[in-house]
Amino acid sequence: MIRRGLMTFAALAGCGLASLALAQTPSIFKDADLALGEKLIAEHRCVECHARKVGGDGSAIYRPAGRISSAGFLRGMVEQCNTELNLGLFPEEVTAVGAVLNRDHYRFK
């Protein structure tokens, strides 16, 4: 009986955390496929390109002072990479990559 109650509590708590995370996701990234975004970032070796541009591990490219100030602008920057590098990403793929970057680096709400 106690075990069942703990499992129910854990399930409800998990739902609450998922709901909280969904509520904090910018609407532009709401239905994005995060697994696809992660796959595309790895396939196109984005981290290596960023490291060549800014040095180190490439993470300095994220959140440059005043450059990227909204989720929409973040998605636009991903589209800029897509265009400049001729990656051929579809709009939903650009959104997926932007959603992963938002989740991991920017955290726009």
PDB file of N, CA and C in Angstrom:
ATOM      1  N   MET A   1       0.821  -1.190   0.000  1.00  0.00           N
ATOM      2  CA  MET A   1       0.000   0.000   0.000  1.00  0.00           C
ATOM      3  C   MET A   1       0.872   1.265   0.000  1.00  0.00           C
ATOM      4  N   ILE A   2       1.879   1.297   0.858  1.00  0.00           N
ATOM      5  CA  ILE A   2       2.770   2.452   0.917  1.00  0.00           C
ATOM      6  C   ILE A   2       3.538   2.579  -0.399  1.00  0.00           C
ATOM      7  N   ARG A   3       3.987   1.440  -0.922  1.00  0.00           N
ATOM      8  CA  ARG A   3       4.737   1.461  -2.171  1.00  0.00           C
ATOM      9  C   ARG A   3       3.870   2.034  -3.305  1.00  0.00           C
ATOM     10  N   ARG A   4       2.610   1.624  -3.388  1.00  0.00           N
ATOM     11  CA  ARG A   4       1.708   2.124  -4.418  1.00  0.00           C
ATOM     12  C   ARG A   4       1.524   3.637  -4.263  1.00  0.00           C
ATOM     13  N   GLY A   5       1.396   4.106  -3.042  1.00  0.00           N
ATOM     14  CA  GLY A   5       1.244   5.539  -2.793  1.00  0.00           C
ATOM     15  C   GLY A   5       2.473   6.313  -3.230  1.00  0.00           C
ATOM     16  N   LEU A   6       3.659   5.756  -2.969  1.00  0.00           N
ATOM     17  CA  LEU A   6       4.892   6.418  -3.388  1.00  0.00           C
ATOM     18  C   LEU A   6       5.004   6.456  -4.907  1.00  0.00           C
ATOM     19  N   MET A   7       4.596   5.375  -5.555  1.00  0.00           N
ATOM     20  CA  MET A   7       4.653   5.341  -7.016  1.00  0.00           C
ATOM     21  C   MET A   7       3.675   6.348  -7.612  1.00  0.00           C
ATOM     22  N   THR A   8       2.496   6.461  -7.022  1.00  0.00           N
ATOM     23  CA  THR A   8       1.508   7.424  -7.496  1.00  0.00           C
ATOM     24  C   THR A   8       2.029   8.842  -7.304  1.00  0.00           C
ATOM     25  N   PHE A   9       2.624   9.103  -6.145  1.00  0.00           N
ATOM     26  CA  PHE A   9       3.188  10.419  -5.868  1.00  0.00           C
ATOM     27  C   PHE A   9       4.290  10.744  -6.873  1.00  0.00           C
ATOM     28  N   ALA A  10       5.161   9.773  -7.143  1.00  0.00           N
ATOM     29  CA  ALA A  10       6.256   9.997  -8.091  1.00  0.00           C
ATOM     30  C   ALA A  10       5.710  10.291  -9.483  1.00  0.00           C
ATOM     31  N   ALA A  11       4.678   9.567  -9.880  1.00  0.00           N
ATOM     32  CA  ALA A  11       4.078   9.798 -11.199  1.00  0.00           C
ATOM     33  C   ALA A  11       3.468  11.191 -11.276  1.00  0.00           C
ATOM     34  N   LEU A  12       2.765  11.596 -10.240  1.00  0.00           N
ATOM     35  CA  LEU A  12       2.152  12.915 -10.228  1.00  0.00           C
ATOM     36  C   LEU A  12       3.211  14.013 -10.191  1.00  0.00           C
ATOM     37  N   ALA A  13       4.251  13.797  -9.417  1.00  0.00           N
ATOM     38  CA  ALA A  13       5.334  14.783  -9.345  1.00  0.00           C
ATOM     39  C   ALA A  13       5.999  14.917 -10.702  1.00  0.00           C
ATOM     40  N   GLY A  14       6.213  13.781 -11.375  1.00  0.00           N
ATOM     41  CA  GLY A  14       6.805  13.813 -12.709  1.00  0.00           C
ATOM     42  C   GLY A  14       5.941  14.577 -13.682  1.00  0.00           C
ATOM     43  N   CYS A  15       4.641  14.394 -13.613  1.00  0.00           N
ATOM     44  CA  CYS A  15       3.722  15.140 -14.486  1.00  0.00           C
ATOM     45  C   CYS A  15       3.804  16.626 -14.203  1.00  0.00           C
ATOM     46  N   GLY A  16       3.916  16.971 -12.963  1.00  0.00           N
ATOM     47  CA  GLY A  16       4.023  18.380 -12.588  1.00  0.00           C
ATOM     48  C   GLY A  16       5.287  19.005 -13.138  1.00  0.00           C
ATOM     49  N   LEU A  17       6.397  18.283 -13.067  1.00  0.00           N
ATOM     50  CA  LEU A  17       7.645  18.810 -13.593  1.00  0.00           C
ATOM     51  C   LEU A  17       7.575  18.945 -15.104  1.00  0.00           C
ATOM     52  N   ALA A  18       6.963  17.971 -15.761  1.00  0.00           N
ATOM     53  CA  ALA A  18       6.822  18.047 -17.212  1.00  0.00           C
ATOM     54  C   ALA A  18       5.948  19.233 -17.588  1.00  0.00           C
ATOM     55  N   SER A  19       4.877  19.443 -16.850  1.00  0.00           N
ATOM     56  CA  SER A  19       3.994  20.574 -17.135  1.00  0.00           C
ATOM     57  C   SER A  19       4.710  21.891 -16.920  1.00  0.00           C
ATOM     58  N   LEU A  20       5.512  21.964 -15.860  1.00  0.00           N
ATOM     59  CA  LEU A  20       6.258  23.180 -15.573  1.00  0.00           C
ATOM     60  C   LEU A  20       7.246  23.469 -16.701  1.00  0.00           C
ATOM     61  N   ALA A  21       7.961  22.446 -17.155  1.00  0.00           N
ATOM     62  CA  ALA A  21       8.918  22.631 -18.239  1.00  0.00           C
ATOM     63  C   ALA A  21       8.215  23.069 -19.514  1.00  0.00           C
ATOM     64  N   LEU A  22       7.061  22.468 -19.815  1.00  0.00           N
ATOM     65  CA  LEU A  22       6.317  22.836 -21.004  1.00  0.00           C
ATOM     66  C   LEU A  22       5.831  24.277 -20.911  1.00  0.00           C
ATOM     67  N   ALA A  23       5.392  24.689 -19.732  1.00  0.00           N
ATOM     68  CA  ALA A  23       4.891  26.048 -19.545  1.00  0.00           C
ATOM     69  C   ALA A  23       6.011  27.074 -19.717  1.00  0.00           C
ATOM     70  N   GLN A  24       7.244  26.671 -19.470  1.00  0.00           N
ATOM     71  CA  GLN A  24       8.365  27.594 -19.572  1.00  0.00           C
ATOM     72  C   GLN A  24       8.997  27.601 -20.956  1.00  0.00           C
ATOM     73  N   THR A  25       8.518  26.763 -21.863  1.00  0.00           N
ATOM     74  CA  THR A  25       9.049  26.703 -23.212  1.00  0.00           C
ATOM     75  C   THR A  25       8.447  27.833 -24.040  1.00  0.00           C
ATOM     76  N   PRO A  26       9.286  28.613 -24.723  1.00  0.00           N
ATOM     77  CA  PRO A  26       8.730  29.658 -25.585  1.00  0.00           C
ATOM     78  C   PRO A  26       7.800  29.045 -26.634  1.00  0.00           C
ATOM     79  N   SER A  27       6.756  29.749 -26.991  1.00  0.00           N
ATOM     80  CA  SER A  27       5.772  29.206 -27.922  1.00  0.00           C
ATOM     81  C   SER A  27       6.393  28.816 -29.260  1.00  0.00           C
ATOM     82  N   ILE A  28       7.426  29.509 -29.683  1.00  0.00           N
ATOM     83  CA  ILE A  28       8.071  29.193 -30.959  1.00  0.00           C
ATOM     84  C   ILE A  28       8.705  27.794 -30.939  1.00  0.00           C
ATOM     85  N   PHE A  29       9.056  27.297 -29.750  1.00  0.00           N
ATOM     86  CA  PHE A  29       9.690  25.989 -29.606  1.00  0.00           C
ATOM     87  C   PHE A  29       8.771  24.936 -28.997  1.00  0.00           C
ATOM     88  N   LYS A  30       7.514  25.276 -28.780  1.00  0.00           N
ATOM     89  CA  LYS A  30       6.582  24.421 -28.048  1.00  0.00           C
ATOM     90  C   LYS A  30       6.502  22.991 -28.574  1.00  0.00           C
ATOM     91  N   ASP A  31       6.356  22.799 -29.866  1.00  0.00           N
ATOM     92  CA  ASP A  31       6.196  21.459 -30.435  1.00  0.00           C
ATOM     93  C   ASP A  31       7.465  20.936 -31.094  1.00  0.00           C
ATOM     94  N   ALA A  32       8.608  21.523 -30.773  1.00  0.00           N
ATOM     95  CA  ALA A  32       9.862  21.137 -31.415  1.00  0.00           C
ATOM     96  C   ALA A  32      10.282  19.726 -31.007  1.00  0.00           C
ATOM     97  N   ASP A  33      10.903  19.047 -31.932  1.00  0.00           N
ATOM     98  CA  ASP A  33      11.418  17.692 -31.717  1.00  0.00           C
ATOM     99  C   ASP A  33      12.853  17.807 -31.197  1.00  0.00           C
ATOM    100  N   LEU A  34      13.013  17.719 -29.879  1.00  0.00           N
ATOM    101  CA  LEU A  34      14.336  17.906 -29.268  1.00  0.00           C
ATOM    102  C   LEU A  34      15.325  16.827 -29.687  1.00  0.00           C
ATOM    103  N   ALA A  35      14.859  15.597 -29.827  1.00  0.00           N
ATOM    104  CA  ALA A  35      15.755  14.509 -30.255  1.00  0.00           C
ATOM    105  C   ALA A  35      16.286  14.794 -31.661  1.00  0.00           C
ATOM    106  N   LEU A  36      15.425  15.294 -32.529  1.00  0.00           N
ATOM    107  CA  LEU A  36      15.863  15.656 -33.884  1.00  0.00           C
ATOM    108  C   LEU A  36      16.876  16.790 -33.816  1.00  0.00           C
ATOM    109  N   GLY A  37      16.622  17.794 -32.988  1.00  0.00           N
ATOM    110  CA  GLY A  37      17.558  18.906 -32.846  1.00  0.00           C
ATOM    111  C   GLY A  37      18.931  18.443 -32.380  1.00  0.00           C
ATOM    112  N   GLU A  38      18.948  17.556 -31.397  1.00  0.00           N
ATOM    113  CA  GLU A  38      20.223  17.023 -30.902  1.00  0.00           C
ATOM    114  C   GLU A  38      20.959  16.270 -32.012  1.00  0.00           C
ATOM    115  N   LYS A  39      20.215  15.479 -32.765  1.00  0.00           N
ATOM    116  CA  LYS A  39      20.795  14.701 -33.867  1.00  0.00           C
ATOM    117  C   LYS A  39      21.395  15.627 -34.923  1.00  0.00           C
ATOM    118  N   LEU A  40      20.661  16.676 -35.290  1.00  0.00           N
ATOM    119  CA  LEU A  40      21.140  17.606 -36.306  1.00  0.00           C
ATOM    120  C   LEU A  40      22.372  18.376 -35.846  1.00  0.00           C
ATOM    121  N   ILE A  41      22.400  18.770 -34.584  1.00  0.00           N
ATOM    122  CA  ILE A  41      23.572  19.466 -34.046  1.00  0.00           C
ATOM    123  C   ILE A  41      24.804  18.576 -34.151  1.00  0.00           C
ATOM    124  N   ALA A  42      24.635  17.295 -33.837  1.00  0.00           N
ATOM    125  CA  ALA A  42      25.762  16.352 -33.929  1.00  0.00           C
ATOM    126  C   ALA A  42      26.150  16.109 -35.393  1.00  0.00           C
ATOM    127  N   GLU A  43      25.161  15.869 -36.253  1.00  0.00           N
ATOM    128  CA  GLU A  43      25.433  15.572 -37.666  1.00  0.00           C
ATOM    129  C   GLU A  43      26.143  16.718 -38.372  1.00  0.00           C
ATOM    130  N   HIS A  44      25.733  17.936 -38.087  1.00  0.00           N
ATOM    131  CA  HIS A  44      26.309  19.092 -38.771  1.00  0.00           C
ATOM    132  C   HIS A  44      27.521  19.666 -38.043  1.00  0.00           C
ATOM    133  N   ARG A  45      27.891  19.020 -36.942  1.00  0.00           N
ATOM    134  CA  ARG A  45      29.099  19.361 -36.186  1.00  0.00           C
ATOM    135  C   ARG A  45      29.147  20.844 -35.827  1.00  0.00           C
ATOM    136  N   CYS A  46      28.019  21.310 -35.299  1.00  0.00           N
ATOM    137  CA  CYS A  46      27.885  22.720 -34.921  1.00  0.00           C
ATOM    138  C   CYS A  46      28.930  23.134 -33.888  1.00  0.00           C
ATOM    139  N   VAL A  47      29.186  22.274 -32.923  1.00  0.00           N
ATOM    140  CA  VAL A  47      30.133  22.612 -31.855  1.00  0.00           C
ATOM    141  C   VAL A  47      31.527  22.852 -32.435  1.00  0.00           C
ATOM    142  N   GLU A  48      31.928  22.029 -33.401  1.00  0.00           N
ATOM    143  CA  GLU A  48      33.250  22.208 -34.012  1.00  0.00           C
ATOM    144  C   GLU A  48      33.344  23.542 -34.750  1.00  0.00           C
ATOM    145  N   CYS A  49      32.286  23.903 -35.457  1.00  0.00           N
ATOM    146  CA  CYS A  49      32.269  25.179 -36.172  1.00  0.00           C
ATOM    147  C   CYS A  49      32.346  26.347 -35.188  1.00  0.00           C
ATOM    148  N   HIS A  50      31.583  26.260 -34.115  1.00  0.00           N
ATOM    149  CA  HIS A  50      31.596  27.325 -33.112  1.00  0.00           C
ATOM    150  C   HIS A  50      32.968  27.443 -32.463  1.00  0.00           C
ATOM    151  N   ALA A  51      33.627  26.312 -32.216  1.00  0.00           N
ATOM    152  CA  ALA A  51      34.966  26.339 -31.620  1.00  0.00           C
ATOM    153  C   ALA A  51      35.953  27.028 -32.561  1.00  0.00           C
ATOM    154  N   ARG A  52      35.817  26.779 -33.858  1.00  0.00           N
ATOM    155  CA  ARG A  52      36.704  27.450 -34.824  1.00  0.00           C
ATOM    156  C   ARG A  52      36.454  28.957 -34.833  1.00  0.00           C
ATOM    157  N   LYS A  53      35.196  29.362 -34.655  1.00  0.00           N
ATOM    158  CA  LYS A  53      34.859  30.786 -34.699  1.00  0.00           C
ATOM    159  C   LYS A  53      35.293  31.541 -33.450  1.00  0.00           C
ATOM    160  N   VAL A  54      35.104  30.932 -32.265  1.00  0.00           N
ATOM    161  CA  VAL A  54      35.350  31.671 -31.021  1.00  0.00           C
ATOM    162  C   VAL A  54      36.436  31.067 -30.143  1.00  0.00           C
ATOM    163  N   GLY A  55      36.962  29.912 -30.537  1.00  0.00           N
ATOM    164  CA  GLY A  55      38.014  29.265 -29.759  1.00  0.00           C
ATOM    165  C   GLY A  55      37.473  28.449 -28.607  1.00  0.00           C
ATOM    166  N   GLY A  56      38.371  27.818 -27.906  1.00  0.00           N
ATOM    167  CA  GLY A  56      38.001  26.976 -26.768  1.00  0.00           C
ATOM    168  C   GLY A  56      37.064  25.860 -27.171  1.00  0.00           C
ATOM    169  N   ASP A  57      36.063  25.632 -26.329  1.00  0.00           N
ATOM    170  CA  ASP A  57      35.100  24.562 -26.625  1.00  0.00           C
ATOM    171  C   ASP A  57      33.928  25.065 -27.459  1.00  0.00           C
ATOM    172  N   GLY A  58      33.951  26.322 -27.860  1.00  0.00           N
ATOM    173  CA  GLY A  58      32.902  26.886 -28.700  1.00  0.00           C
ATOM    174  C   GLY A  58      31.727  27.461 -27.946  1.00  0.00           C
ATOM    175  N   SER A  59      31.674  27.233 -26.641  1.00  0.00           N
ATOM    176  CA  SER A  59      30.512  27.686 -25.872  1.00  0.00           C
ATOM    177  C   SER A  59      30.445  29.203 -25.711  1.00  0.00           C
ATOM    178  N   ALA A  60      31.540  29.901 -25.972  1.00  0.00           N
ATOM    179  CA  ALA A  60      31.531  31.362 -25.859  1.00  0.00           C
ATOM    180  C   ALA A  60      30.625  32.004 -26.906  1.00  0.00           C
ATOM    181  N   ILE A  61      30.247  31.251 -27.917  1.00  0.00           N
ATOM    182  CA  ILE A  61      29.353  31.792 -28.948  1.00  0.00           C
ATOM    183  C   ILE A  61      27.947  32.006 -28.409  1.00  0.00           C
ATOM    184  N   TYR A  62      27.599  31.289 -27.336  1.00  0.00           N
ATOM    185  CA  TYR A  62      26.263  31.404 -26.766  1.00  0.00           C
ATOM    186  C   TYR A  62      26.185  32.610 -25.849  1.00  0.00           C
ATOM    187  N   ARG A  63      25.092  33.335 -25.959  1.00  0.00           N
ATOM    188  CA  ARG A  63      24.789  34.502 -25.137  1.00  0.00           C
ATOM    189  C   ARG A  63      25.819  35.623 -25.240  1.00  0.00           C
ATOM    190  N   PRO A  64      26.243  35.974 -26.448  1.00  0.00           N
ATOM    191  CA  PRO A  64      27.119  37.151 -26.530  1.00  0.00           C
ATOM    192  C   PRO A  64      26.333  38.371 -26.072  1.00  0.00           C
ATOM    193  N   ALA A  65      26.982  39.264 -25.384  1.00  0.00           N
ATOM    194  CA  ALA A  65      26.301  40.415 -24.785  1.00  0.00           C
ATOM    195  C   ALA A  65      25.411  41.139 -25.785  1.00  0.00           C
ATOM    196  N   GLY A  66      24.109  41.109 -25.530  1.00  0.00           N
ATOM    197  CA  GLY A  66      23.156  41.866 -26.306  1.00  0.00           C
ATOM    198  C   GLY A  66      22.789  41.331 -27.674  1.00  0.00           C
ATOM    199  N   ARG A  67      23.411  40.271 -28.144  1.00  0.00           N
ATOM    200  CA  ARG A  67      23.141  39.810 -29.513  1.00  0.00           C
ATOM    201  C   ARG A  67      21.862  39.007 -29.626  1.00  0.00           C
ATOM    202  N   ILE A  68      21.668  38.051 -28.768  1.00  0.00           N
ATOM    203  CA  ILE A  68      20.488  37.193 -28.863  1.00  0.00           C
ATOM    204  C   ILE A  68      19.649  37.431 -27.624  1.00  0.00           C
ATOM    205  N   SER A  69      18.509  38.097 -27.828  1.00  0.00           N
ATOM    206  CA  SER A  69      17.722  38.538 -26.686  1.00  0.00           C
ATOM    207  C   SER A  69      16.324  37.935 -26.618  1.00  0.00           C
ATOM    208  N   SER A  70      16.000  37.030 -27.532  1.00  0.00           N
ATOM    209  CA  SER A  70      14.675  36.407 -27.509  1.00  0.00           C
ATOM    210  C   SER A  70      14.730  35.048 -28.202  1.00  0.00           C
ATOM    211  N   ALA A  71      13.712  34.236 -27.952  1.00  0.00           N
ATOM    212  CA  ALA A  71      13.624  32.924 -28.592  1.00  0.00           C
ATOM    213  C   ALA A  71      13.508  33.075 -30.105  1.00  0.00           C
ATOM    214  N   GLY A  72      12.764  34.059 -30.569  1.00  0.00           N
ATOM    215  CA  GLY A  72      12.621  34.284 -32.001  1.00  0.00           C
ATOM    216  C   GLY A  72      13.939  34.652 -32.661  1.00  0.00           C
ATOM    217  N   PHE A  73      14.716  35.469 -31.968  1.00  0.00           N
ATOM    218  CA  PHE A  73      16.010  35.857 -32.522  1.00  0.00           C
ATOM    219  C   PHE A  73      16.959  34.658 -32.527  1.00  0.00           C
ATOM    220  N   LEU A  74      16.883  33.821 -31.500  1.00  0.00           N
ATOM    221  CA  LEU A  74      17.697  32.607 -31.458  1.00  0.00           C
ATOM    222  C   LEU A  74      17.388  31.730 -32.668  1.00  0.00           C
ATOM    223  N   ARG A  75      16.097  31.520 -32.932  1.00  0.00           N
ATOM    224  CA  ARG A  75      15.718  30.711 -34.091  1.00  0.00           C
ATOM    225  C   ARG A  75      16.244  31.344 -35.373  1.00  0.00           C
ATOM    226  N   GLY A  76      16.192  32.667 -35.444  1.00  0.00           N
ATOM    227  CA  GLY A  76      16.717  33.383 -36.599  1.00  0.00           C
ATOM    228  C   GLY A  76      18.212  33.173 -36.792  1.00  0.00           C
ATOM    229  N   MET A  77      18.945  33.107 -35.711  1.00  0.00           N
ATOM    230  CA  MET A  77      20.384  32.862 -35.805  1.00  0.00           C
ATOM    231  C   MET A  77      20.662  31.452 -36.325  1.00  0.00           C
ATOM    232  N   VAL A  78      19.841  30.488 -35.886  1.00  0.00           N
ATOM    233  CA  VAL A  78      19.996  29.120 -36.410  1.00  0.00           C
ATOM    234  C   VAL A  78      19.695  29.117 -37.911  1.00  0.00           C
ATOM    235  N   GLU A  79      18.668  29.853 -38.312  1.00  0.00           N
ATOM    236  CA  GLU A  79      18.346  29.957 -39.745  1.00  0.00           C
ATOM    237  C   GLU A  79      19.492  30.612 -40.508  1.00  0.00           C
ATOM    238  N   GLN A  80      20.141  31.580 -39.886  1.00  0.00           N
ATOM    239  CA  GLN A  80      21.284  32.229 -40.532  1.00  0.00           C
ATOM    240  C   GLN A  80      22.401  31.223 -40.775  1.00  0.00           C
ATOM    241  N   CYS A  81      22.697  30.387 -39.788  1.00  0.00           N
ATOM    242  CA  CYS A  81      23.700  29.327 -39.976  1.00  0.00           C
ATOM    243  C   CYS A  81      23.267  28.390 -41.100  1.00  0.00           C
ATOM    244  N   ASN A  82      21.997  28.016 -41.090  1.00  0.00           N
ATOM    245  CA  ASN A  82      21.453  27.138 -42.117  1.00  0.00           C
ATOM    246  C   ASN A  82      21.686  27.722 -43.504  1.00  0.00           C
ATOM    247  N   THR A  83      21.420  29.015 -43.652  1.00  0.00           N
ATOM    248  CA  THR A  83      21.567  29.682 -44.950  1.00  0.00           C
ATOM    249  C   THR A  83      23.034  29.853 -45.334  1.00  0.00           C
ATOM    250  N   GLU A  84      23.835  30.395 -44.406  1.00  0.00           N
ATOM    251  CA  GLU A  84      25.249  30.660 -44.699  1.00  0.00           C
ATOM    252  C   GLU A  84      26.026  29.390 -45.029  1.00  0.00           C
ATOM    253  N   LEU A  85      25.710  28.319 -44.325  1.00  0.00           N
ATOM    254  CA  LEU A  85      26.449  27.068 -44.509  1.00  0.00           C
ATOM    255  C   LEU A  85      25.766  26.123 -45.488  1.00  0.00           C
ATOM    256  N   ASN A  86      24.644  26.576 -46.060  1.00  0.00           N
ATOM    257  CA  ASN A  86      23.896  25.776 -47.031  1.00  0.00           C
ATOM    258  C   ASN A  86      23.600  24.370 -46.490  1.00  0.00           C
ATOM    259  N   LEU A  87      23.067  24.325 -45.270  1.00  0.00           N
ATOM    260  CA  LEU A  87      22.792  23.040 -44.618  1.00  0.00           C
ATOM    261  C   LEU A  87      21.548  22.353 -45.167  1.00  0.00           C
ATOM    262  N   GLY A  88      20.647  23.114 -45.722  1.00  0.00           N
ATOM    263  CA  GLY A  88      19.439  22.533 -46.291  1.00  0.00           C
ATOM    264  C   GLY A  88      18.425  22.062 -45.264  1.00  0.00           C
ATOM    265  N   LEU A  89      18.421  22.698 -44.089  1.00  0.00           N
ATOM    266  CA  LEU A  89      17.466  22.305 -43.052  1.00  0.00           C
ATOM    267  C   LEU A  89      16.078  22.836 -43.382  1.00  0.00           C
ATOM    268  N   PHE A  90      15.079  22.025 -43.111  1.00  0.00           N
ATOM    269  CA  PHE A  90      13.691  22.448 -43.235  1.00  0.00           C
ATOM    270  C   PHE A  90      13.331  23.320 -42.035  1.00  0.00           C
ATOM    271  N   PRO A  91      12.281  24.134 -42.141  1.00  0.00           N
ATOM    272  CA  PRO A  91      11.909  25.020 -41.026  1.00  0.00           C
ATOM    273  C   PRO A  91      11.723  24.296 -39.694  1.00  0.00           C
ATOM    274  N   GLU A  92      11.092  23.122 -39.710  1.00  0.00           N
ATOM    275  CA  GLU A  92      10.901  22.402 -38.444  1.00  0.00           C
ATOM    276  C   GLU A  92      12.222  21.890 -37.875  1.00  0.00           C
ATOM    277  N   GLU A  93      13.214  21.666 -38.739  1.00  0.00           N
ATOM    278  CA  GLU A  93      14.531  21.255 -38.262  1.00  0.00           C
ATOM    279  C   GLU A  93      15.271  22.438 -37.639  1.00  0.00           C
ATOM    280  N   VAL A  94      15.148  23.609 -38.242  1.00  0.00           N
ATOM    281  CA  VAL A  94      15.736  24.821 -37.669  1.00  0.00           C
ATOM    282  C   VAL A  94      15.134  25.071 -36.285  1.00  0.00           C
ATOM    283  N   THR A  95      13.830  24.908 -36.181  1.00  0.00           N
ATOM    284  CA  THR A  95      13.146  25.093 -34.902  1.00  0.00           C
ATOM    285  C   THR A  95      13.626  24.074 -33.886  1.00  0.00           C
ATOM    286  N   ALA A  96      13.821  22.824 -34.301  1.00  0.00           N
ATOM    287  CA  ALA A  96      14.293  21.777 -33.391  1.00  0.00           C
ATOM    288  C   ALA A  96      15.683  22.111 -32.848  1.00  0.00           C
ATOM    289  N   VAL A  97      16.565  22.571 -33.713  1.00  0.00           N
ATOM    290  CA  VAL A  97      17.915  22.957 -33.273  1.00  0.00           C
ATOM    291  C   VAL A  97      17.823  24.142 -32.307  1.00  0.00           C
ATOM    292  N   GLY A  98      17.021  25.132 -32.657  1.00  0.00           N
ATOM    293  CA  GLY A  98      16.846  26.287 -31.776  1.00  0.00           C
ATOM    294  C   GLY A  98      16.304  25.898 -30.416  1.00  0.00           C
ATOM    295  N   ALA A  99      15.378  24.951 -30.392  1.00  0.00           N
ATOM    296  CA  ALA A  99      14.794  24.497 -29.124  1.00  0.00           C
ATOM    297  C   ALA A  99      15.842  23.836 -28.238  1.00  0.00           C
ATOM    298  N   VAL A 100      16.731  23.055 -28.842  1.00  0.00           N
ATOM    299  CA  VAL A 100      17.804  22.419 -28.056  1.00  0.00           C
ATOM    300  C   VAL A 100      18.750  23.481 -27.511  1.00  0.00           C
ATOM    301  N   LEU A 101      19.111  24.445 -28.340  1.00  0.00           N
ATOM    302  CA  LEU A 101      20.001  25.514 -27.874  1.00  0.00           C
ATOM    303  C   LEU A 101      19.345  26.321 -26.766  1.00  0.00           C
ATOM    304  N   ASN A 102      18.049  26.557 -26.897  1.00  0.00           N
ATOM    305  CA  ASN A 102      17.329  27.273 -25.841  1.00  0.00           C
ATOM    306  C   ASN A 102      17.341  26.469 -24.549  1.00  0.00           C
ATOM    307  N   ARG A 103      17.068  25.193 -24.656  1.00  0.00           N
ATOM    308  CA  ARG A 103      17.034  24.330 -23.469  1.00  0.00           C
ATOM    309  C   ARG A 103      18.402  24.269 -22.790  1.00  0.00           C
ATOM    310  N   ASP A 104      19.458  24.155 -23.573  1.00  0.00           N
ATOM    311  CA  ASP A 104      20.789  23.916 -23.019  1.00  0.00           C
ATOM    312  C   ASP A 104      21.583  25.173 -22.691  1.00  0.00           C
ATOM    313  N   HIS A 105      21.286  26.296 -23.372  1.00  0.00           N
ATOM    314  CA  HIS A 105      22.132  27.478 -23.193  1.00  0.00           C
ATOM    315  C   HIS A 105      21.380  28.762 -22.859  1.00  0.00           C
ATOM    316  N   TYR A 106      20.248  29.003 -23.484  1.00  0.00           N
ATOM    317  CA  TYR A 106      19.602  30.311 -23.379  1.00  0.00           C
ATOM    318  C   TYR A 106      18.498  30.387 -22.328  1.00  0.00           C
ATOM    319  N   ARG A 107      17.650  29.392 -22.317  1.00  0.00           N
ATOM    320  CA  ARG A 107      16.549  29.295 -21.343  1.00  0.00           C
ATOM    321  C   ARG A 107      15.567  30.463 -21.405  1.00  0.00           C
ATOM    322  N   PHE A 108      15.219  30.891 -22.632  1.00  0.00           N
ATOM    323  CA  PHE A 108      14.166  31.890 -22.770  1.00  0.00           C
ATOM    324  C   PHE A 108      12.851  31.269 -22.371  1.00  0.00           C
ATOM    325  N   LYS A 109      11.977  32.042 -21.767  1.00  0.00           N
ATOM    326  CA  LYS A 109      10.680  31.543 -21.302  1.00  0.00           C
ATOM    327  C   LYS A 109       9.565  32.049 -22.174  1.00  0.00           C
TER     328      LYS A 109
END
